[in-house]
C-alpha atoms as a PDB file:
ATOM      1  CA  MET A   1       2.650 -19.351   3.540  1.00  0.00           C
ATOM      2  CA  ALA A   2       2.941 -21.856   0.880  1.00  0.00           C
ATOM      3  CA  GLU A   3       1.241 -19.880  -1.506  1.00  0.00           C
ATOM      4  CA  GLU A   4       3.529 -17.104  -0.399  1.00  0.00           C
ATOM      5  CA  LYS A   5       6.703 -19.326  -1.352  1.00  0.00           C
ATOM      6  CA  LYS A   6       5.027 -20.248  -4.535  1.00  0.00           C
ATOM      7  CA  ARG A   7       4.554 -16.930  -6.017  1.00  0.00           C
ATOM      8  CA  GLY A   8       8.048 -15.650  -4.664  1.00  0.00           C
ATOM      9  CA  GLY A   9       9.455 -12.345  -3.953  1.00  0.00           C
ATOM     10  CA  HIS A  10       9.646 -10.397  -1.025  1.00  0.00           C
ATOM     11  CA  HIS A  11       6.878  -8.024   0.283  1.00  0.00           C
ATOM     12  CA  THR A  12       8.297  -4.719   1.423  1.00  0.00           C
ATOM     13  CA  LEU A  13       6.855  -1.253   2.448  1.00  0.00           C
ATOM     14  CA  MET A  14       8.891   1.951   2.586  1.00  0.00           C
ATOM     15  CA  MET A  15       6.633   5.040   3.524  1.00  0.00           C
ATOM     16  CA  GLU A  16       7.891   8.661   3.403  1.00  0.00           C
ATOM     17  CA  GLU A  17       6.200  11.430   5.456  1.00  0.00           C
ATOM     18  CA  ARG A  18       2.942   9.977   4.583  1.00  0.00           C
ATOM     19  CA  GLU A  19       2.878  11.038   1.143  1.00  0.00           C
ATOM     20  CA  LYS A  20       5.013   8.313  -0.748  1.00  0.00           C
ATOM     21  CA  LEU A  21       4.426   4.774  -0.250  1.00  0.00           C
ATOM     22  CA  GLN A  22       6.875   2.353  -2.168  1.00  0.00           C
ATOM     23  CA  ILE A  23       5.445  -1.297  -2.487  1.00  0.00           C
ATOM     24  CA  GLY A  24       7.544  -4.457  -3.448  1.00  0.00           C
ATOM     25  CA  GLY A  25       6.205  -7.854  -4.039  1.00  0.00           C
ATOM     26  CA  VAL A  26       2.854  -6.905  -5.677  1.00  0.00           C
ATOM     27  CA  LEU A  27       1.075  -9.426  -7.856  1.00  0.00           C
ATOM     28  CA  GLU A  28      -1.748  -7.290  -8.932  1.00  0.00           C
ATOM     29  CA  VAL A  29      -3.375  -3.649  -8.652  1.00  0.00           C
ATOM     30  CA  LEU A  30      -6.982  -4.626  -8.188  1.00  0.00           C
ATOM     31  CA  SER A  31      -8.751  -1.126  -8.380  1.00  0.00           C
ATOM     32  CA  PHE A  32      -7.662   2.458  -7.613  1.00  0.00           C
ATOM     33  CA  ASP A  33      -8.854   5.927  -7.451  1.00  0.00           C
ATOM     34  CA  GLU A  34      -7.952   9.019  -5.428  1.00  0.00           C
ATOM     35  CA  GLU A  35      -9.248   7.806  -2.218  1.00  0.00           C
ATOM     36  CA  GLY A  36      -8.077   4.003  -2.095  1.00  0.00           C
ATOM     37  CA  VAL A  37      -5.810   1.213  -3.711  1.00  0.00           C
ATOM     38  CA  MET A  38      -6.244  -2.229  -3.778  1.00  0.00           C
ATOM     39  CA  MET A  39      -3.756  -4.717  -4.421  1.00  0.00           C
ATOM     40  CA  GLU A  40      -2.751  -8.238  -4.233  1.00  0.00           C
ATOM     41  CA  THR A  41       0.680  -8.698  -2.719  1.00  0.00           C
ATOM     42  CA  THR A  42       2.671 -11.791  -1.705  1.00  0.00           C
ATOM     43  CA  CYS A  43       1.569 -11.274   1.858  1.00  0.00           C
ATOM     44  CA  GLY A  44      -2.134 -11.127   1.018  1.00  0.00           C
ATOM     45  CA  LEU A  45      -4.700  -8.308   0.150  1.00  0.00           C
ATOM     46  CA  LEU A  46      -3.701  -4.777   0.797  1.00  0.00           C
ATOM     47  CA  VAL A  47      -5.620  -1.771   1.046  1.00  0.00           C
ATOM     48  CA  LEU A  48      -4.596   1.797   1.196  1.00  0.00           C
ATOM     49  CA  LYS A  49      -6.987   4.847   1.995  1.00  0.00           C
ATOM     50  CA  GLY A  50      -6.337   8.301   1.586  1.00  0.00           C
ATOM     51  CA  ALA A  51      -6.691  11.433  -0.456  1.00  0.00           C
ATOM     52  CA  GLU A  52      -5.564  12.465  -3.593  1.00  0.00           C
ATOM     53  CA  LEU A  53      -3.933   9.007  -4.051  1.00  0.00           C
ATOM     54  CA  HIS A  54      -2.280   8.212  -7.431  1.00  0.00           C
ATOM     55  CA  ILE A  55       0.266   5.515  -8.760  1.00  0.00           C
ATOM     56  CA  GLY A  56       3.410   7.045  -9.576  1.00  0.00           C
ATOM     57  CA  LYS A  57       5.013   3.858 -10.516  1.00  0.00           C
ATOM     58  CA  LEU A  58       3.657   0.576 -11.619  1.00  0.00           C
ATOM     59  CA  ASP A  59       5.894  -2.291 -12.748  1.00  0.00           C
ATOM     60  CA  LEU A  60       4.173  -5.884 -12.153  1.00  0.00           C
ATOM     61  CA  GLU A  61       6.885  -7.531 -13.695  1.00  0.00           C
ATOM     62  CA  GLU A  62       9.215  -6.377 -10.772  1.00  0.00           C
ATOM     63  CA  GLY A  63       6.379  -6.160  -8.701  1.00  0.00           C
ATOM     64  CA  GLU A  64       7.242  -2.685  -7.538  1.00  0.00           C
ATOM     65  CA  VAL A  65       4.504   0.023  -7.027  1.00  0.00           C
ATOM     66  CA  THR A  66       4.920   3.543  -5.756  1.00  0.00           C
ATOM     67  CA  VAL A  67       1.657   5.355  -4.398  1.00  0.00           C
ATOM     68  CA  ASN A  68       1.690   9.120  -4.177  1.00  0.00           C
ATOM     69  CA  GLY A  69      -0.631  11.301  -2.059  1.00  0.00           C
ATOM     70  CA  THR A  70      -1.990  11.794   1.685  1.00  0.00           C
ATOM     71  CA  ILE A  71      -1.965   8.009   2.861  1.00  0.00           C
ATOM     72  CA  ASP A  72      -4.298   7.557   6.057  1.00  0.00           C
ATOM     73  CA  SER A  73      -4.364   4.136   6.375  1.00  0.00           C
ATOM     74  CA  ILE A  74      -2.587   0.789   5.265  1.00  0.00           C
ATOM     75  CA  ASP A  75      -4.796  -2.506   5.922  1.00  0.00           C
ATOM     76  CA  TYR A  76      -3.966  -6.097   4.979  1.00  0.00           C
ATOM     77  CA  SER A  77      -6.376  -9.121   4.586  1.00  0.00           C
ATOM     78  CA  ASP A  78      -5.118 -12.788   4.488  1.00  0.00           C
ATOM     79  CA  GLY A  79      -7.952 -13.546   1.935  1.00  0.00           C
ATOM     80  CA  SER A  80      -7.202 -13.269  -1.833  1.00  0.00           C
ATOM     81  CA  ALA A  81      -9.221 -10.829  -4.163  1.00  0.00           C
ATOM     82  CA  ALA A  82      -8.390 -13.349  -7.015  1.00  0.00           C
ATOM     83  CA  GLY A  83     -10.484 -15.961  -8.657  1.00  0.00           C
ATOM     84  CA  GLY A  84     -13.626 -14.122  -9.235  1.00  0.00           C
ATOM     85  CA  ARG A  85     -14.691 -13.357  -5.503  1.00  0.00           C
ATOM     86  CA  THR A  86     -15.574  -9.912  -4.675  1.00  0.00           C
ATOM     87  CA  HIS A  87     -13.686  -9.116  -1.391  1.00  0.00           C
ATOM     88  CA  PRO A  88     -16.072  -7.605   1.199  1.00  0.00           C
ATOM     89  CA  LEU A  89     -13.158  -4.614   1.799  1.00  0.00           C
ATOM     90  CA  LEU A  90     -13.878  -3.742  -1.976  1.00  0.00           C
ATOM     91  CA  GLY A  91     -17.512  -2.951  -1.344  1.00  0.00           C
ATOM     92  CA  LYS A  92     -16.721  -0.734   1.797  1.00  0.00           C
ATOM     93  CA  LEU A  93     -13.841   0.847   0.013  1.00  0.00           C
ATOM     94  CA  PHE A  94     -15.459   1.994  -3.077  1.00  0.00           C
ATOM     95  CA  ARG A  95     -19.042   3.115  -1.947  1.00  0.00           C
END
C-alpha cells in the first residue's frame, strides 16, 4: 500500500459491454497483442485476455489506457513486473 501511495493516482476500470475498457492509474504497458494486454498499475499487475484487442488510447502521463476488442478476463497480481523480473503470467499469456 505504501508503494501505491508513493506512485499516486487512483486506479479505475470502466467497461462497456465487454468491448471497451477504460483504465486509469496505469504506470506502464508491459506487453500487448490481439489476445492479451499486460500493464503495471498503481494497484499491481493487470492482465487482460480476449480477442481482437487493441489499444485505442494511451496516455501514460495521465495514466490512462483504453482497450477495445472482446474482453474475456481481467486478472490482477500483487507482484510487479518491473525491475527486470519476468512475471509467471507473462509466459502463460504469450505462449
